[in-house]
Amino acid sequence: MPRPDDHPDPPAHDAWEQIVARFARFSGLVGEVDDPLTWGLDLDEETVTGTSTGDHDPSDERFLRSYVSYLGETLDIETLRVRPDDEEQAADIVRAALSGALAAPLHSDVADEEDLLDSYQEYRAAMRAIVTEVDAAELTTEPYTVDGVARPALQVRVRETAAAYVPLADRAIVIAGPSSLLDRVDVITRPIRNLLHGEDGPRF
């Protein structure tokens, strides 16, 4: 029988090459907050999510910039590499973004091991309630400003949280977080570059 150490993990540089390739597919414009400190925001995460290598599912692969406010609020800006062809899929994407924003506080709760099962059941119930509430929320076509231009957008809001889907020329961006931040921040698009690590960070 082979031992676990007979099959070592692949070299780290192979994984890094794959990461670089994924970022390279995003060559072009991606969304970000212009001068985030103005709004009390700090860039917390910058990554590509998903695993798609083709153009079949616009929701699969996205470039994410996640910001955190001084109050601990999270604002996410995702750039979809491929723009959806129909409004129904766009609606599903913006509702999913809102559900994720509403569920964020649940993910940060740390449960005691003794109460893990009860906590998990409470989490499942809370997630079902969030999805139900988001599905029932009205989807509007209010414009959203990107690059200083008010653009047609799909928006959905639940309580104090909102999400907006904004189609661009050949891709789209999705913004999700507290309504007060969505209504105030300046969202812009610029060529993809490494903001989080600066000149000392990895190139992509």
Protein backbone atom coordinates (compact mmCIF):
# COMPACT_ATOMS: atom_id res chain seq x y z
CA MET A 1 0.00 0.00 0.00
CA PRO A 2 1.47 3.41 -0.89
CA ARG A 3 2.26 5.72 1.97
CA PRO A 4 1.06 9.35 2.06
CA ASP A 5 4.61 10.61 1.58
CA ASP A 6 4.90 8.59 -1.65
CA HIS A 7 2.75 11.25 -3.31
CA PRO A 8 4.09 14.62 -2.24
CA ASP A 9 2.24 17.79 -3.01
CA PRO A 10 3.16 19.41 -6.34
CA PRO A 11 5.78 22.15 -6.18
CA ALA A 12 4.49 25.48 -4.97
CA HIS A 13 5.64 27.21 -8.18
CA ASP A 14 3.17 25.12 -10.22
CA ALA A 15 0.30 26.43 -8.14
CA TRP A 16 1.64 29.97 -8.44
CA GLU A 17 1.82 29.66 -12.23
CA GLN A 18 -1.84 28.68 -12.23
CA ILE A 19 -2.68 31.70 -10.09
CA VAL A 20 -0.78 34.02 -12.43
CA ALA A 21 -2.63 32.51 -15.41
CA ARG A 22 -5.98 33.14 -13.73
CA PHE A 23 -5.10 36.78 -13.10
CA ALA A 24 -3.84 37.12 -16.66
CA ARG A 25 -7.29 36.17 -17.97
CA PHE A 26 -8.58 39.28 -16.21
CA SER A 27 -6.35 41.56 -18.25
CA GLY A 28 -8.34 44.74 -18.72
CA LEU A 29 -10.45 46.96 -16.50
CA VAL A 30 -11.59 45.88 -13.03
CA GLY A 31 -13.60 47.68 -10.35
CA GLU A 32 -12.27 49.40 -7.26
CA VAL A 33 -13.14 52.17 -4.80
CA ASP A 34 -11.46 55.45 -5.71
CA ASP A 35 -9.54 56.78 -2.69
CA PRO A 36 -11.06 54.33 -0.16
CA LEU A 37 -9.66 56.21 2.86
CA THR A 38 -12.07 59.04 2.04
CA TRP A 39 -14.91 56.69 2.97
CA GLY A 40 -13.15 55.10 5.94
CA LEU A 41 -12.34 51.95 3.99
CA ASP A 42 -9.24 49.79 3.88
CA LEU A 43 -8.53 47.19 1.17
CA ASP A 44 -8.64 43.83 2.94
CA GLU A 45 -8.61 41.23 0.16
CA GLU A 46 -7.73 41.09 -3.52
CA THR A 47 -8.11 37.80 -5.36
CA VAL A 48 -9.67 35.79 -8.15
CA THR A 49 -12.54 33.59 -7.02
CA GLY A 50 -13.92 30.56 -8.83
CA THR A 51 -12.26 28.08 -11.15
CA SER A 52 -13.72 28.65 -14.61
CA THR A 53 -11.37 28.37 -17.58
CA GLY A 54 -13.97 29.09 -20.25
CA ASP A 55 -16.67 31.58 -21.06
CA HIS A 56 -19.70 29.37 -20.32
CA ASP A 57 -20.63 30.72 -16.88
CA PRO A 58 -20.13 34.43 -16.12
CA SER A 59 -20.70 33.85 -12.40
CA ASP A 60 -17.88 31.29 -12.09
CA GLU A 61 -14.76 33.42 -12.12
CA ARG A 62 -14.52 36.93 -10.67
CA PHE A 63 -11.92 39.41 -9.56
CA LEU A 64 -12.71 40.46 -5.99
CA ARG A 65 -11.64 43.50 -4.06
CA SER A 66 -13.01 43.45 -0.52
CA TYR A 67 -12.87 46.54 1.69
CA VAL A 68 -13.45 46.84 5.45
CA SER A 69 -14.60 50.04 7.13
CA TYR A 70 -13.38 51.36 10.46
CA LEU A 71 -16.71 50.10 11.85
CA GLY A 72 -16.01 46.57 10.64
CA GLU A 73 -18.42 46.74 7.69
CA THR A 74 -17.50 44.92 4.49
CA LEU A 75 -17.90 46.28 0.97
CA ASP A 76 -17.17 43.91 -1.92
CA ILE A 77 -16.55 44.87 -5.53
CA GLU A 78 -16.43 41.91 -7.92
CA THR A 79 -15.58 42.14 -11.60
CA LEU A 80 -17.14 39.39 -13.70
CA ARG A 81 -14.71 38.29 -16.40
CA VAL A 82 -17.60 37.49 -18.74
CA ARG A 83 -20.81 39.48 -18.87
CA PRO A 84 -24.11 37.53 -18.61
CA ASP A 85 -26.17 37.35 -21.77
CA ASP A 86 -29.58 37.69 -20.15
CA GLU A 87 -31.17 39.71 -17.36
CA GLU A 88 -32.39 36.63 -15.50
CA GLN A 89 -28.85 35.46 -14.86
CA ALA A 90 -27.82 38.99 -13.90
CA ALA A 91 -30.70 39.07 -11.40
CA ASP A 92 -29.55 35.78 -9.87
CA ILE A 93 -26.01 37.16 -9.55
CA VAL A 94 -27.03 40.38 -7.80
CA ARG A 95 -29.39 38.54 -5.43
CA ALA A 96 -26.62 36.08 -4.56
CA ALA A 97 -24.30 39.01 -3.83
CA LEU A 98 -26.86 40.53 -1.49
CA SER A 99 -27.38 37.21 0.27
CA GLY A 100 -23.62 36.94 0.76
CA ALA A 101 -23.43 40.44 2.21
CA LEU A 102 -26.27 39.74 4.63
CA ALA A 103 -24.71 36.43 5.66
CA ALA A 104 -21.23 37.88 6.30
CA PRO A 105 -21.84 38.51 10.03
CA LEU A 106 -22.95 34.89 10.45
CA HIS A 107 -19.61 33.65 9.10
CA SER A 108 -17.68 35.64 11.69
CA ASP A 109 -19.49 34.09 14.64
CA VAL A 110 -17.32 31.57 16.46
CA ALA A 111 -19.21 28.74 18.12
CA ASP A 112 -18.06 26.71 21.11
CA GLU A 113 -17.33 23.07 20.22
CA GLU A 114 -20.01 21.86 22.62
CA ASP A 115 -22.62 23.96 20.83
CA LEU A 116 -21.37 23.29 17.29
CA LEU A 117 -24.44 21.32 16.16
CA ASP A 118 -26.90 23.85 17.58
CA SER A 119 -24.91 26.69 16.07
CA TYR A 120 -24.83 24.98 12.68
CA GLN A 121 -28.59 24.43 12.75
CA GLU A 122 -29.11 28.07 13.71
CA TYR A 123 -26.80 29.10 10.86
CA ARG A 124 -28.74 26.99 8.35
CA ALA A 125 -32.02 28.47 9.55
CA ALA A 126 -30.62 32.00 9.34
CA MET A 127 -29.31 31.38 5.81
CA ARG A 128 -32.68 30.05 4.67
CA ALA A 129 -34.36 33.13 6.11
CA ILE A 130 -31.88 35.40 4.30
CA VAL A 131 -32.40 33.67 0.95
CA THR A 132 -36.17 33.84 1.37
CA GLU A 133 -36.03 37.54 2.21
CA VAL A 134 -33.71 38.35 -0.69
CA ASP A 135 -35.85 36.38 -3.15
CA ALA A 136 -38.88 38.40 -2.06
CA ALA A 137 -37.09 41.76 -2.32
CA GLU A 138 -37.91 44.01 -5.24
CA LEU A 139 -35.33 44.16 -8.01
CA THR A 140 -35.03 47.72 -9.33
CA THR A 141 -33.33 49.28 -12.36
CA GLU A 142 -31.94 52.35 -10.62
CA PRO A 143 -28.77 53.73 -12.24
CA TYR A 144 -25.44 53.30 -10.47
CA THR A 145 -22.47 55.58 -11.02
CA VAL A 146 -19.21 54.02 -12.22
CA ASP A 147 -16.32 56.10 -13.56
CA GLY A 148 -18.39 59.22 -12.93
CA VAL A 149 -21.16 58.06 -15.29
CA ALA A 150 -24.64 57.00 -14.16
CA ARG A 151 -25.10 53.59 -15.80
CA PRO A 152 -28.12 51.28 -16.07
CA ALA A 153 -27.96 48.83 -13.18
CA LEU A 154 -29.93 46.15 -11.36
CA GLN A 155 -30.19 46.81 -7.64
CA VAL A 156 -31.74 44.98 -4.73
CA ARG A 157 -31.94 46.02 -1.08
CA VAL A 158 -32.89 44.35 2.18
CA ARG A 159 -32.94 46.44 5.34
CA GLU A 160 -29.62 48.35 5.44
CA THR A 161 -27.76 46.18 2.92
CA ALA A 162 -27.72 46.46 -0.86
CA ALA A 163 -26.18 45.03 -4.02
CA ALA A 164 -25.86 46.47 -7.52
CA TYR A 165 -25.08 44.77 -10.81
CA VAL A 166 -23.59 47.19 -13.37
CA PRO A 167 -22.93 45.98 -16.94
CA LEU A 168 -19.91 47.49 -18.67
CA ALA A 169 -18.66 47.16 -22.25
CA ASP A 170 -17.58 43.51 -22.19
CA ARG A 171 -17.87 42.55 -18.52
CA ALA A 172 -19.77 43.65 -15.42
CA ILE A 173 -19.15 44.59 -11.82
CA VAL A 174 -21.16 43.70 -8.71
CA ILE A 175 -21.02 45.88 -5.59
CA ALA A 176 -22.44 44.60 -2.30
CA GLY A 177 -22.43 45.88 1.27
CA PRO A 178 -24.07 48.44 3.54
CA SER A 179 -26.49 50.70 1.64
CA SER A 180 -24.86 53.78 3.17
CA LEU A 181 -21.53 52.85 1.57
CA LEU A 182 -22.98 51.84 -1.80
CA ASP A 183 -24.74 55.19 -2.01
CA ARG A 184 -21.60 57.22 -1.24
CA VAL A 185 -18.43 55.60 -2.54
CA ASP A 186 -16.88 56.45 -5.89
CA VAL A 187 -16.56 53.22 -7.89
CA ILE A 188 -14.14 53.33 -10.80
CA THR A 189 -12.53 50.89 -13.23
CA ARG A 190 -8.82 50.76 -13.94
CA PRO A 191 -6.43 48.27 -15.55
CA ILE A 192 -5.83 45.34 -13.24
CA ARG A 193 -2.89 45.86 -10.90
CA ASN A 194 -1.81 44.81 -7.45
CA LEU A 195 -3.11 47.32 -4.93
CA LEU A 196 -2.90 45.25 -1.76
CA HIS A 197 0.79 44.33 -1.90
CA GLY A 198 2.10 47.21 -3.96
CA GLU A 199 5.48 47.04 -5.66
CA ASP A 200 6.72 44.35 -3.28
CA GLY A 201 3.87 41.97 -4.03
CA PRO A 202 3.39 39.36 -6.76
CA ARG A 203 2.88 40.58 -10.32
CA PHE A 204 -0.35 39.78 -12.14
